[in-house]
C-alpha atoms as a PDB file:
ATOM      1  CA  UNK A   1      47.822  44.249  -0.617  1.00  0.00           C
ATOM      2  CA  UNK A   2      47.767  47.668  -2.250  1.00  0.00           C
ATOM      3  CA  UNK A   3      50.094  48.617  -5.082  1.00  0.00           C
ATOM      4  CA  UNK A   4      52.172  51.052  -3.017  1.00  0.00           C
ATOM      5  CA  UNK A   5      52.916  48.422  -0.353  1.00  0.00           C
ATOM      6  CA  UNK A   6      53.845  45.869  -3.017  1.00  0.00           C
ATOM      7  CA  UNK A   7      56.279  48.313  -4.652  1.00  0.00           C
ATOM      8  CA  UNK A   8      57.880  49.039  -1.274  1.00  0.00           C
ATOM      9  CA  UNK A   9      58.304  45.334  -0.515  1.00  0.00           C
ATOM     10  CA  UNK A  10      59.868  44.694  -3.927  1.00  0.00           C
ATOM     11  CA  UNK A  11      62.301  47.609  -3.489  1.00  0.00           C
ATOM     12  CA  UNK A  12      63.225  46.560   0.052  1.00  0.00           C
ATOM     13  CA  UNK A  13      63.747  42.937  -1.005  1.00  0.00           C
ATOM     14  CA  UNK A  14      65.846  44.057  -3.980  1.00  0.00           C
ATOM     15  CA  UNK A  15      67.969  46.276  -1.711  1.00  0.00           C
ATOM     16  CA  UNK A  16      68.563  43.376   0.673  1.00  0.00           C
ATOM     17  CA  UNK A  17      69.645  41.062  -2.152  1.00  0.00           C
ATOM     18  CA  UNK A  18      71.885  43.706  -3.742  1.00  0.00           C
ATOM     19  CA  UNK A  19      73.460  44.511  -0.361  1.00  0.00           C
ATOM     20  CA  UNK A  20      74.473  40.865   0.017  1.00  0.00           C
ATOM     21  CA  UNK A  21      75.816  40.767  -3.547  1.00  0.00           C
ATOM     22  CA  UNK A  22      77.791  43.974  -2.966  1.00  0.00           C
ATOM     23  CA  UNK A  23      79.373  42.514   0.160  1.00  0.00           C
ATOM     24  CA  UNK A  24      80.514  39.429  -1.772  1.00  0.00           C
ATOM     25  CA  UNK A  25      83.292  41.484  -3.365  1.00  0.00           C
ATOM     26  CA  UNK A  26      85.812  38.635  -3.562  1.00  0.00           C
ATOM     27  CA  UNK A  27      83.255  36.477  -5.378  1.00  0.00           C
ATOM     28  CA  UNK A  28      81.772  38.982  -7.835  1.00  0.00           C
ATOM     29  CA  UNK A  29      84.828  41.069  -8.647  1.00  0.00           C
ATOM     30  CA  UNK A  30      85.183  44.850  -8.759  1.00  0.00           C
ATOM     31  CA  UNK A  31      83.120  45.689 -11.864  1.00  0.00           C
ATOM     32  CA  UNK A  32      80.011  43.828 -10.724  1.00  0.00           C
ATOM     33  CA  UNK A  33      80.534  45.221  -7.221  1.00  0.00           C
ATOM     34  CA  UNK A  34      80.442  48.787  -8.555  1.00  0.00           C
ATOM     35  CA  UNK A  35      77.461  48.166 -10.859  1.00  0.00           C
ATOM     36  CA  UNK A  36      75.523  46.639  -7.968  1.00  0.00           C
ATOM     37  CA  UNK A  37      76.505  49.630  -5.851  1.00  0.00           C
ATOM     38  CA  UNK A  38      74.989  52.022  -8.404  1.00  0.00           C
ATOM     39  CA  UNK A  39      71.745  50.010  -8.507  1.00  0.00           C
ATOM     40  CA  UNK A  40      71.684  49.924  -4.713  1.00  0.00           C
ATOM     41  CA  UNK A  41      72.123  53.698  -4.623  1.00  0.00           C
ATOM     42  CA  UNK A  42      69.178  54.218  -7.008  1.00  0.00           C
ATOM     43  CA  UNK A  43      66.934  51.881  -4.997  1.00  0.00           C
ATOM     44  CA  UNK A  44      68.015  53.585  -1.785  1.00  0.00           C
ATOM     45  CA  UNK A  45      66.915  56.931  -3.232  1.00  0.00           C
ATOM     46  CA  UNK A  46      63.598  55.397  -4.350  1.00  0.00           C
ATOM     47  CA  UNK A  47      63.104  53.862  -0.887  1.00  0.00           C
ATOM     48  CA  UNK A  48      63.547  57.235   0.797  1.00  0.00           C
ATOM     49  CA  UNK A  49      61.260  59.008  -1.682  1.00  0.00           C
ATOM     50  CA  UNK A  50      58.485  56.474  -1.040  1.00  0.00           C
ATOM     51  CA  UNK A  51      58.959  56.897   2.718  1.00  0.00           C
ATOM     52  CA  UNK A  52      59.518  60.672   2.685  1.00  0.00           C
ATOM     53  CA  UNK A  53      56.507  61.299   4.939  1.00  0.00           C
ATOM     54  CA  UNK A  54      58.354  59.523   7.757  1.00  0.00           C
ATOM     55  CA  UNK A  55      60.869  62.388   7.987  1.00  0.00           C
ATOM     56  CA  UNK A  56      58.040  64.871   8.591  1.00  0.00           C
ATOM     57  CA  UNK A  57      56.789  62.864  11.587  1.00  0.00           C
ATOM     58  CA  UNK A  58      60.110  62.488  13.450  1.00  0.00           C
ATOM     59  CA  UNK A  59      59.407  65.336  15.878  1.00  0.00           C
ATOM     60  CA  UNK A  60      55.622  64.920  15.990  1.00  0.00           C
ATOM     61  CA  UNK A  61      53.488  62.911  18.385  1.00  0.00           C
ATOM     62  CA  UNK A  62      54.471  60.907  21.461  1.00  0.00           C
ATOM     63  CA  UNK A  63      57.975  59.440  21.597  1.00  0.00           C
ATOM     64  CA  UNK A  64      57.862  56.147  23.477  1.00  0.00           C
ATOM     65  CA  UNK A  65      60.785  53.703  23.717  1.00  0.00           C
ATOM     66  CA  UNK A  66      59.852  51.838  20.542  1.00  0.00           C
ATOM     67  CA  UNK A  67      59.546  54.992  18.469  1.00  0.00           C
ATOM     68  CA  UNK A  68      62.828  56.427  19.763  1.00  0.00           C
ATOM     69  CA  UNK A  69      64.618  53.177  18.882  1.00  0.00           C
ATOM     70  CA  UNK A  70      63.006  53.166  15.447  1.00  0.00           C
ATOM     71  CA  UNK A  71      64.088  56.742  14.706  1.00  0.00           C
ATOM     72  CA  UNK A  72      67.631  56.093  15.948  1.00  0.00           C
ATOM     73  CA  UNK A  73      68.054  52.908  13.875  1.00  0.00           C
ATOM     74  CA  UNK A  74      66.584  54.453  10.721  1.00  0.00           C
ATOM     75  CA  UNK A  75      68.824  57.527  10.970  1.00  0.00           C
ATOM     76  CA  UNK A  76      71.921  55.409  11.654  1.00  0.00           C
ATOM     77  CA  UNK A  77      71.052  53.214   8.663  1.00  0.00           C
ATOM     78  CA  UNK A  78      70.572  56.331   6.523  1.00  0.00           C
ATOM     79  CA  UNK A  79      73.906  57.828   7.608  1.00  0.00           C
ATOM     80  CA  UNK A  80      75.861  54.585   7.170  1.00  0.00           C
ATOM     81  CA  UNK A  81      74.478  53.995   3.667  1.00  0.00           C
ATOM     82  CA  UNK A  82      75.112  57.621   2.690  1.00  0.00           C
ATOM     83  CA  UNK A  83      78.738  57.339   3.844  1.00  0.00           C
ATOM     84  CA  UNK A  84      79.179  54.027   1.990  1.00  0.00           C
ATOM     85  CA  UNK A  85      77.898  55.521  -1.253  1.00  0.00           C
ATOM     86  CA  UNK A  86      79.747  58.834  -0.983  1.00  0.00           C
ATOM     87  CA  UNK A  87      83.041  57.103  -0.166  1.00  0.00           C
ATOM     88  CA  UNK A  88      82.604  54.647  -3.056  1.00  0.00           C
ATOM     89  CA  UNK A  89      82.886  57.287  -5.803  1.00  0.00           C
ATOM     90  CA  UNK A  90      86.511  58.432  -5.189  1.00  0.00           C
ATOM     91  CA  UNK A  91      87.810  54.844  -4.745  1.00  0.00           C
ATOM     92  CA  UNK A  92      86.085  53.521  -7.867  1.00  0.00           C
ATOM     93  CA  UNK A  93      88.340  51.715 -10.349  1.00  0.00           C
ATOM     94  CA  UNK A  94      85.824  51.203 -13.151  1.00  0.00           C
ATOM     95  CA  UNK A  95      82.647  53.297 -13.275  1.00  0.00           C
ATOM     96  CA  UNK A  96      84.099  56.477 -11.726  1.00  0.00           C
ATOM     97  CA  UNK A  97      87.743  55.828 -12.571  1.00  0.00           C
ATOM     98  CA  UNK A  98      88.002  59.293 -14.165  1.00  0.00           C
ATOM     99  CA  UNK A  99      87.910  60.901 -10.696  1.00  0.00           C
ATOM    100  CA  UNK A 100      91.551  61.352  -9.572  1.00  0.00           C
ATOM    101  CA  UNK A 101      92.596  60.734  -5.971  1.00  0.00           C
ATOM    102  CA  UNK A 102      96.091  60.426  -4.544  1.00  0.00           C
ATOM    103  CA  UNK A 103      95.546  58.408  -1.384  1.00  0.00           C
ATOM    104  CA  UNK A 104      92.387  56.330  -1.180  1.00  0.00           C
ATOM    105  CA  UNK A 105      93.380  54.133   1.802  1.00  0.00           C
ATOM    106  CA  UNK A 106      91.422  56.165   4.354  1.00  0.00           C
ATOM    107  CA  UNK A 107      88.348  56.315   2.133  1.00  0.00           C
ATOM    108  CA  UNK A 108      88.608  52.568   1.485  1.00  0.00           C
ATOM    109  CA  UNK A 109      88.749  51.942   5.239  1.00  0.00           C
ATOM    110  CA  UNK A 110      85.677  54.126   5.797  1.00  0.00           C
ATOM    111  CA  UNK A 111      83.850  52.440   2.898  1.00  0.00           C
ATOM    112  CA  UNK A 112      84.478  48.894   4.144  1.00  0.00           C
ATOM    113  CA  UNK A 113      83.688  49.483   7.812  1.00  0.00           C
ATOM    114  CA  UNK A 114      80.525  51.516   7.206  1.00  0.00           C
ATOM    115  CA  UNK A 115      79.295  48.893   4.721  1.00  0.00           C
ATOM    116  CA  UNK A 116      79.347  46.275   7.486  1.00  0.00           C
ATOM    117  CA  UNK A 117      77.607  48.681   9.873  1.00  0.00           C
ATOM    118  CA  UNK A 118      75.047  49.352   7.148  1.00  0.00           C
ATOM    119  CA  UNK A 119      74.528  45.603   6.828  1.00  0.00           C
ATOM    120  CA  UNK A 120      73.787  45.340  10.568  1.00  0.00           C
ATOM    121  CA  UNK A 121      71.506  48.396  10.614  1.00  0.00           C
ATOM    122  CA  UNK A 122      69.674  47.021   7.577  1.00  0.00           C
ATOM    123  CA  UNK A 123      68.958  43.771   9.443  1.00  0.00           C
ATOM    124  CA  UNK A 124      67.760  45.687  12.521  1.00  0.00           C
ATOM    125  CA  UNK A 125      65.633  47.902  10.254  1.00  0.00           C
ATOM    126  CA  UNK A 126      64.020  44.786   8.759  1.00  0.00           C
ATOM    127  CA  UNK A 127      63.458  43.415  12.259  1.00  0.00           C
ATOM    128  CA  UNK A 128      61.633  46.584  13.276  1.00  0.00           C
ATOM    129  CA  UNK A 129      59.367  46.209  10.231  1.00  0.00           C
ATOM    130  CA  UNK A 130      58.966  42.435  10.562  1.00  0.00           C
ATOM    131  CA  UNK A 131      55.397  42.683  11.867  1.00  0.00           C
ATOM    132  CA  UNK A 132      54.406  44.785   8.857  1.00  0.00           C
ATOM    133  CA  UNK A 133      56.113  42.325   6.512  1.00  0.00           C
ATOM    134  CA  UNK A 134      54.308  39.363   8.108  1.00  0.00           C
ATOM    135  CA  UNK A 135      50.946  41.132   7.794  1.00  0.00           C
ATOM    136  CA  UNK A 136      51.642  41.877   4.126  1.00  0.00           C
ATOM    137  CA  UNK A 137      52.513  38.218   3.520  1.00  0.00           C
ATOM    138  CA  UNK A 138      49.314  37.128   5.260  1.00  0.00           C
ATOM    139  CA  UNK A 139      47.284  39.374   2.958  1.00  0.00           C
ATOM    140  CA  UNK A 140      48.822  37.431   0.084  1.00  0.00           C
ATOM    141  CA  UNK A 141      47.224  34.275   1.501  1.00  0.00           C
ATOM    142  CA  UNK A 142      50.373  32.819   3.102  1.00  0.00           C
ATOM    143  CA  UNK A 143      49.574  32.118   6.756  1.00  0.00           C
ATOM    144  CA  UNK A 144      50.435  29.792   9.622  1.00  0.00           C
ATOM    145  CA  UNK A 145      47.211  27.819  10.040  1.00  0.00           C
ATOM    146  CA  UNK A 146      48.004  26.040  13.305  1.00  0.00           C
ATOM    147  CA  UNK A 147      49.949  26.334  16.543  1.00  0.00           C
ATOM    148  CA  UNK A 148      52.260  23.582  15.309  1.00  0.00           C
ATOM    149  CA  UNK A 149      53.239  25.732  12.320  1.00  0.00           C
ATOM    150  CA  UNK A 150      54.066  28.608  14.667  1.00  0.00           C
ATOM    151  CA  UNK A 151      56.211  26.361  16.886  1.00  0.00           C
ATOM    152  CA  UNK A 152      58.046  24.965  13.854  1.00  0.00           C
ATOM    153  CA  UNK A 153      58.834  28.448  12.538  1.00  0.00           C
ATOM    154  CA  UNK A 154      60.094  29.535  15.970  1.00  0.00           C
ATOM    155  CA  UNK A 155      62.359  26.490  16.183  1.00  0.00           C
ATOM    156  CA  UNK A 156      63.721  27.319  12.733  1.00  0.00           C
ATOM    157  CA  UNK A 157      64.298  30.911  13.874  1.00  0.00           C
ATOM    158  CA  UNK A 158      66.276  29.689  16.903  1.00  0.00           C
ATOM    159  CA  UNK A 159      68.379  27.419  14.685  1.00  0.00           C
ATOM    160  CA  UNK A 160      69.095  30.325  12.320  1.00  0.00           C
ATOM    161  CA  UNK A 161      70.174  32.529  15.231  1.00  0.00           C
ATOM    162  CA  UNK A 162      72.455  29.835  16.684  1.00  0.00           C
ATOM    163  CA  UNK A 163      74.075  29.251  13.309  1.00  0.00           C
ATOM    164  CA  UNK A 164      74.286  33.010  12.757  1.00  0.00           C
ATOM    165  CA  UNK A 165      76.223  33.469  16.009  1.00  0.00           C
ATOM    166  CA  UNK A 166      78.663  30.756  14.930  1.00  0.00           C
ATOM    167  CA  UNK A 167      79.011  32.338  11.470  1.00  0.00           C
ATOM    168  CA  UNK A 168      79.637  35.743  13.082  1.00  0.00           C
ATOM    169  CA  UNK A 169      82.642  34.355  14.958  1.00  0.00           C
ATOM    170  CA  UNK A 170      83.959  32.418  11.972  1.00  0.00           C
ATOM    171  CA  UNK A 171      83.728  35.477   9.724  1.00  0.00           C
ATOM    172  CA  UNK A 172      85.196  37.860  12.321  1.00  0.00           C
ATOM    173  CA  UNK A 173      82.206  40.195  12.188  1.00  0.00           C
ATOM    174  CA  UNK A 174      83.283  42.018  15.362  1.00  0.00           C
ATOM    175  CA  UNK A 175      86.642  42.929  13.842  1.00  0.00           C
ATOM    176  CA  UNK A 176      85.073  43.891  10.516  1.00  0.00           C
ATOM    177  CA  UNK A 177      82.959  46.410  12.413  1.00  0.00           C
ATOM    178  CA  UNK A 178      85.857  47.825  14.423  1.00  0.00           C
ATOM    179  CA  UNK A 179      89.169  47.110  12.672  1.00  0.00           C
ATOM    180  CA  UNK A 180      90.183  47.641   9.053  1.00  0.00           C
ATOM    181  CA  UNK A 181      92.364  44.950   7.510  1.00  0.00           C
ATOM    182  CA  UNK A 182      94.231  46.316   4.442  1.00  0.00           C
ATOM    183  CA  UNK A 183      95.215  42.772   3.446  1.00  0.00           C
ATOM    184  CA  UNK A 184      91.604  41.614   3.349  1.00  0.00           C
ATOM    185  CA  UNK A 185      89.732  39.041   5.365  1.00  0.00           C
ATOM    186  CA  UNK A 186      89.196  35.400   4.515  1.00  0.00           C
ATOM    187  CA  UNK A 187      88.407  35.171   0.804  1.00  0.00           C
ATOM    188  CA  UNK A 188      85.147  33.400  -0.010  1.00  0.00           C
ATOM    189  CA  UNK A 189      85.285  30.713  -2.645  1.00  0.00           C
ATOM    190  CA  UNK A 190      81.741  29.435  -2.130  1.00  0.00           C
ATOM    191  CA  UNK A 191      78.959  31.841  -3.023  1.00  0.00           C
ATOM    192  CA  UNK A 192      76.399  29.561  -1.350  1.00  0.00           C
ATOM    193  CA  UNK A 193      78.413  29.458   1.863  1.00  0.00           C
ATOM    194  CA  UNK A 194      78.692  33.245   1.859  1.00  0.00           C
ATOM    195  CA  UNK A 195      74.942  33.630   1.278  1.00  0.00           C
ATOM    196  CA  UNK A 196      73.901  31.156   3.976  1.00  0.00           C
ATOM    197  CA  UNK A 197      76.278  32.617   6.565  1.00  0.00           C
ATOM    198  CA  UNK A 198      75.269  36.226   5.989  1.00  0.00           C
ATOM    199  CA  UNK A 199      71.545  35.446   5.875  1.00  0.00           C
ATOM    200  CA  UNK A 200      71.967  33.665   9.216  1.00  0.00           C
ATOM    201  CA  UNK A 201      73.848  36.674  10.618  1.00  0.00           C
ATOM    202  CA  UNK A 202      70.995  38.883   9.452  1.00  0.00           C
ATOM    203  CA  UNK A 203      68.627  36.465  11.195  1.00  0.00           C
ATOM    204  CA  UNK A 204      70.240  37.278  14.560  1.00  0.00           C
ATOM    205  CA  UNK A 205      69.376  40.958  14.307  1.00  0.00           C
ATOM    206  CA  UNK A 206      66.006  40.503  12.606  1.00  0.00           C
ATOM    207  CA  UNK A 207      64.777  38.003  15.217  1.00  0.00           C
ATOM    208  CA  UNK A 208      66.393  39.815  18.137  1.00  0.00           C
ATOM    209  CA  UNK A 209      64.928  43.178  17.157  1.00  0.00           C
ATOM    210  CA  UNK A 210      61.478  41.714  16.493  1.00  0.00           C
ATOM    211  CA  UNK A 211      61.209  40.019  19.883  1.00  0.00           C
ATOM    212  CA  UNK A 212      62.784  42.891  21.804  1.00  0.00           C
ATOM    213  CA  UNK A 213      60.176  45.218  20.315  1.00  0.00           C
ATOM    214  CA  UNK A 214      57.407  42.782  21.241  1.00  0.00           C
ATOM    215  CA  UNK A 215      58.676  42.884  24.830  1.00  0.00           C
ATOM    216  CA  UNK A 216      58.866  46.709  24.754  1.00  0.00           C
ATOM    217  CA  UNK A 217      55.322  46.878  23.363  1.00  0.00           C
ATOM    218  CA  UNK A 218      54.041  44.692  26.211  1.00  0.00           C
ATOM    219  CA  UNK A 219      55.798  46.880  28.771  1.00  0.00           C
ATOM    220  CA  UNK A 220      54.242  49.990  27.220  1.00  0.00           C
ATOM    221  CA  UNK A 221      50.792  48.401  27.526  1.00  0.00           C
ATOM    222  CA  UNK A 222      51.454  47.512  31.176  1.00  0.00           C
ATOM    223  CA  UNK A 223      52.581  51.078  31.951  1.00  0.00           C
ATOM    224  CA  UNK A 224      49.563  52.533  30.135  1.00  0.00           C
ATOM    225  CA  UNK A 225      47.247  50.251  32.128  1.00  0.00           C
ATOM    226  CA  UNK A 226      48.852  51.322  35.443  1.00  0.00           C
ATOM    227  CA  UNK A 227      48.478  55.002  34.556  1.00  0.00           C
ATOM    228  CA  UNK A 228      44.704  54.667  34.221  1.00  0.00           C
END
């Protein structure tokens, strides 16, 4: 694995971890939440600088279904994260407390809802890059050496998805994406429970996106073969 790829993986992994920590507001408290938000913002900037060439290729080349989906998801993820970070400054109580604002309820609503959308888009974004991540891991010498290993990992993936669906209902993810609750949702007391549930929820979108793209890729190959 080359140095550039390793740096990208480290930044992406760090962003994923920090995103989960930032969402655990009721566990970490406001000060840590804001500090993590600043670090997440800096890593987000670094991520986009390292991938700046991607923006130059948006309108170039052939746009098949997979590429259109990739562009749409990446842009939605970019917009959601930008809104989260821009809305966080005026409602800050610690780091940017010197910025005066009279009514922050609307901004708080925007901040909370877009953070959950950013969480979903992040998981889909990871799912679209899952093949690249697996290849990078294989280059590190970590591989599935038999068909049994592959079957075991797929069974684990199914179990994660099933649990993730259950966790989505228990944590009211649909309402968090569509309705703002000024009184707050269920307060987490267990950091481990929060982590497991949200990793499982991420697993739904990572696995779903990965296998949907595999299906789309097969269909593209079939269409290309028929056009010969």
